[in-house]
C-alpha atoms as a PDB file:
ATOM      1  CA  UNK A   1     -18.138 -61.189 -20.024  1.00  0.00           C
ATOM      2  CA  UNK A   2     -20.726 -59.013 -21.374  1.00  0.00           C
ATOM      3  CA  UNK A   3     -22.933 -58.480 -17.889  1.00  0.00           C
ATOM      4  CA  UNK A   4     -19.421 -57.676 -16.260  1.00  0.00           C
ATOM      5  CA  UNK A   5     -18.578 -55.087 -19.135  1.00  0.00           C
ATOM      6  CA  UNK A   6     -22.207 -53.916 -18.501  1.00  0.00           C
ATOM      7  CA  UNK A   7     -22.069 -53.545 -14.881  1.00  0.00           C
ATOM      8  CA  UNK A   8     -18.342 -51.351 -14.856  1.00  0.00           C
ATOM      9  CA  UNK A   9     -20.246 -49.141 -17.264  1.00  0.00           C
ATOM     10  CA  UNK A  10     -23.027 -48.785 -15.319  1.00  0.00           C
ATOM     11  CA  UNK A  11     -20.637 -48.109 -12.211  1.00  0.00           C
ATOM     12  CA  UNK A  12     -18.890 -45.306 -13.898  1.00  0.00           C
ATOM     13  CA  UNK A  13     -22.179 -43.053 -14.972  1.00  0.00           C
ATOM     14  CA  UNK A  14     -22.674 -42.001 -11.519  1.00  0.00           C
ATOM     15  CA  UNK A  15     -24.936 -38.814 -10.436  1.00  0.00           C
ATOM     16  CA  UNK A  16     -22.556 -37.118  -7.763  1.00  0.00           C
ATOM     17  CA  UNK A  17     -24.990 -36.055  -4.835  1.00  0.00           C
ATOM     18  CA  UNK A  18     -24.280 -32.569  -3.864  1.00  0.00           C
ATOM     19  CA  UNK A  19     -24.805 -31.230  -0.211  1.00  0.00           C
ATOM     20  CA  UNK A  20     -28.096 -29.139  -0.129  1.00  0.00           C
ATOM     21  CA  UNK A  21     -25.677 -26.400   1.051  1.00  0.00           C
ATOM     22  CA  UNK A  22     -23.241 -25.983  -2.136  1.00  0.00           C
ATOM     23  CA  UNK A  23     -22.967 -22.993  -3.719  1.00  0.00           C
ATOM     24  CA  UNK A  24     -22.251 -22.803  -7.348  1.00  0.00           C
ATOM     25  CA  UNK A  25     -19.430 -20.597  -9.126  1.00  0.00           C
ATOM     26  CA  UNK A  26     -16.603 -19.675 -11.310  1.00  0.00           C
ATOM     27  CA  UNK A  27     -13.698 -21.063  -8.939  1.00  0.00           C
ATOM     28  CA  UNK A  28      -9.764 -19.688  -9.817  1.00  0.00           C
ATOM     29  CA  UNK A  29      -6.919 -20.620  -7.595  1.00  0.00           C
ATOM     30  CA  UNK A  30      -4.905 -18.110  -7.360  1.00  0.00           C
ATOM     31  CA  UNK A  31      -2.045 -18.066  -5.000  1.00  0.00           C
ATOM     32  CA  UNK A  32      -2.546 -21.227  -2.897  1.00  0.00           C
ATOM     33  CA  UNK A  33      -4.595 -20.987  -0.551  1.00  0.00           C
ATOM     34  CA  UNK A  34      -6.098 -17.753  -1.992  1.00  0.00           C
ATOM     35  CA  UNK A  35      -8.778 -18.427  -4.466  1.00  0.00           C
ATOM     36  CA  UNK A  36     -11.144 -16.377  -6.576  1.00  0.00           C
ATOM     37  CA  UNK A  37     -14.836 -17.211  -6.307  1.00  0.00           C
ATOM     38  CA  UNK A  38     -16.841 -15.416  -9.006  1.00  0.00           C
ATOM     39  CA  UNK A  39     -13.810 -12.817  -9.332  1.00  0.00           C
ATOM     40  CA  UNK A  40     -13.938 -12.205  -5.537  1.00  0.00           C
ATOM     41  CA  UNK A  41     -11.128 -13.050  -3.172  1.00  0.00           C
ATOM     42  CA  UNK A  42     -12.083 -15.911  -1.215  1.00  0.00           C
ATOM     43  CA  UNK A  43      -9.892 -18.981   0.941  1.00  0.00           C
ATOM     44  CA  UNK A  44      -9.807 -22.645   1.006  1.00  0.00           C
ATOM     45  CA  UNK A  45      -9.486 -23.635   4.735  1.00  0.00           C
ATOM     46  CA  UNK A  46      -6.706 -26.380   5.507  1.00  0.00           C
ATOM     47  CA  UNK A  47      -7.323 -29.594   4.865  1.00  0.00           C
ATOM     48  CA  UNK A  48      -9.806 -28.423   1.792  1.00  0.00           C
ATOM     49  CA  UNK A  49     -10.835 -31.423  -0.879  1.00  0.00           C
ATOM     50  CA  UNK A  50     -11.293 -30.887  -4.130  1.00  0.00           C
ATOM     51  CA  UNK A  51     -12.990 -33.638  -6.230  1.00  0.00           C
ATOM     52  CA  UNK A  52     -12.357 -33.746 -10.074  1.00  0.00           C
ATOM     53  CA  UNK A  53     -15.522 -34.699 -12.756  1.00  0.00           C
ATOM     54  CA  UNK A  54     -13.767 -38.199 -12.182  1.00  0.00           C
ATOM     55  CA  UNK A  55     -14.389 -37.671  -8.484  1.00  0.00           C
ATOM     56  CA  UNK A  56     -11.010 -37.956  -7.358  1.00  0.00           C
ATOM     57  CA  UNK A  57      -9.222 -35.593  -4.963  1.00  0.00           C
ATOM     58  CA  UNK A  58      -6.756 -33.667  -6.762  1.00  0.00           C
ATOM     59  CA  UNK A  59      -3.965 -31.333  -5.640  1.00  0.00           C
ATOM     60  CA  UNK A  60      -4.674 -27.204  -5.818  1.00  0.00           C
ATOM     61  CA  UNK A  61      -1.514 -26.506  -7.383  1.00  0.00           C
ATOM     62  CA  UNK A  62      -2.400 -29.174 -10.195  1.00  0.00           C
ATOM     63  CA  UNK A  63      -5.482 -27.004 -11.622  1.00  0.00           C
ATOM     64  CA  UNK A  64      -3.128 -23.992 -12.585  1.00  0.00           C
ATOM     65  CA  UNK A  65      -4.981 -20.475 -12.788  1.00  0.00           C
ATOM     66  CA  UNK A  66      -7.873 -21.393 -15.106  1.00  0.00           C
ATOM     67  CA  UNK A  67     -11.394 -20.931 -14.290  1.00  0.00           C
ATOM     68  CA  UNK A  68     -13.204 -23.765 -13.131  1.00  0.00           C
ATOM     69  CA  UNK A  69     -16.971 -24.100 -12.570  1.00  0.00           C
ATOM     70  CA  UNK A  70     -17.737 -26.260  -9.174  1.00  0.00           C
ATOM     71  CA  UNK A  71     -20.027 -26.678  -6.517  1.00  0.00           C
ATOM     72  CA  UNK A  72     -18.747 -25.624  -3.116  1.00  0.00           C
ATOM     73  CA  UNK A  73     -18.871 -25.673   0.795  1.00  0.00           C
ATOM     74  CA  UNK A  74     -17.897 -23.110   3.252  1.00  0.00           C
ATOM     75  CA  UNK A  75     -17.025 -23.533   6.920  1.00  0.00           C
ATOM     76  CA  UNK A  76     -18.045 -21.658   9.747  1.00  0.00           C
ATOM     77  CA  UNK A  77     -14.891 -19.135   9.314  1.00  0.00           C
ATOM     78  CA  UNK A  78     -16.181 -19.087   5.693  1.00  0.00           C
ATOM     79  CA  UNK A  79     -13.427 -20.811   4.045  1.00  0.00           C
ATOM     80  CA  UNK A  80     -13.978 -22.954   1.195  1.00  0.00           C
ATOM     81  CA  UNK A  81     -13.913 -26.592   2.390  1.00  0.00           C
ATOM     82  CA  UNK A  82     -15.103 -28.727  -0.347  1.00  0.00           C
ATOM     83  CA  UNK A  83     -14.937 -28.089  -4.048  1.00  0.00           C
ATOM     84  CA  UNK A  84     -16.433 -30.787  -7.004  1.00  0.00           C
ATOM     85  CA  UNK A  85     -15.432 -29.538 -10.639  1.00  0.00           C
ATOM     86  CA  UNK A  86     -18.288 -29.954 -12.387  1.00  0.00           C
ATOM     87  CA  UNK A  87     -18.270 -31.399 -16.011  1.00  0.00           C
ATOM     88  CA  UNK A  88     -20.096 -29.437 -18.604  1.00  0.00           C
ATOM     89  CA  UNK A  89     -23.727 -31.711 -18.297  1.00  0.00           C
ATOM     90  CA  UNK A  90     -23.288 -31.500 -14.255  1.00  0.00           C
ATOM     91  CA  UNK A  91     -22.855 -27.365 -14.932  1.00  0.00           C
ATOM     92  CA  UNK A  92     -25.877 -27.219 -16.818  1.00  0.00           C
ATOM     93  CA  UNK A  93     -28.073 -28.786 -13.980  1.00  0.00           C
ATOM     94  CA  UNK A  94     -29.367 -25.906 -11.820  1.00  0.00           C
ATOM     95  CA  UNK A  95     -29.069 -26.158  -7.907  1.00  0.00           C
ATOM     96  CA  UNK A  96     -31.994 -26.870  -5.723  1.00  0.00           C
ATOM     97  CA  UNK A  97     -33.291 -23.814  -4.158  1.00  0.00           C
ATOM     98  CA  UNK A  98     -31.794 -23.490  -0.796  1.00  0.00           C
ATOM     99  CA  UNK A  99     -34.443 -23.656   1.877  1.00  0.00           C
ATOM    100  CA  UNK A 100     -34.616 -21.985   5.219  1.00  0.00           C
ATOM    101  CA  UNK A 101     -36.278 -23.605   8.237  1.00  0.00           C
ATOM    102  CA  UNK A 102     -39.508 -21.739   9.931  1.00  0.00           C
ATOM    103  CA  UNK A 103     -36.712 -21.075  13.389  1.00  0.00           C
ATOM    104  CA  UNK A 104     -35.084 -18.624  10.660  1.00  0.00           C
ATOM    105  CA  UNK A 105     -37.488 -16.990   9.230  1.00  0.00           C
ATOM    106  CA  UNK A 106     -38.831 -15.588  12.533  1.00  0.00           C
END
């Protein structure tokens, strides 16, 4: 029984892998699909996915108009397509610096 409990607890404690292209910001759902990202207007893409701190998907309208610290990615049109609500511990960890390829530097 103890082994099962320890296995279950270890499965719940995990590091979420965020894409290297992710950015961090304060996000507020203003008038879905409109959002504010660090005070600037932006838009959620069609089919945008939002994950809670428990890594469960959430519906944008359930977030209210509170500010949430998030990691997010954008699609080729510049719309936000993936959002991860961050726990205080995740928000305290800095995102890795984004790298550029040598072809982008030329």
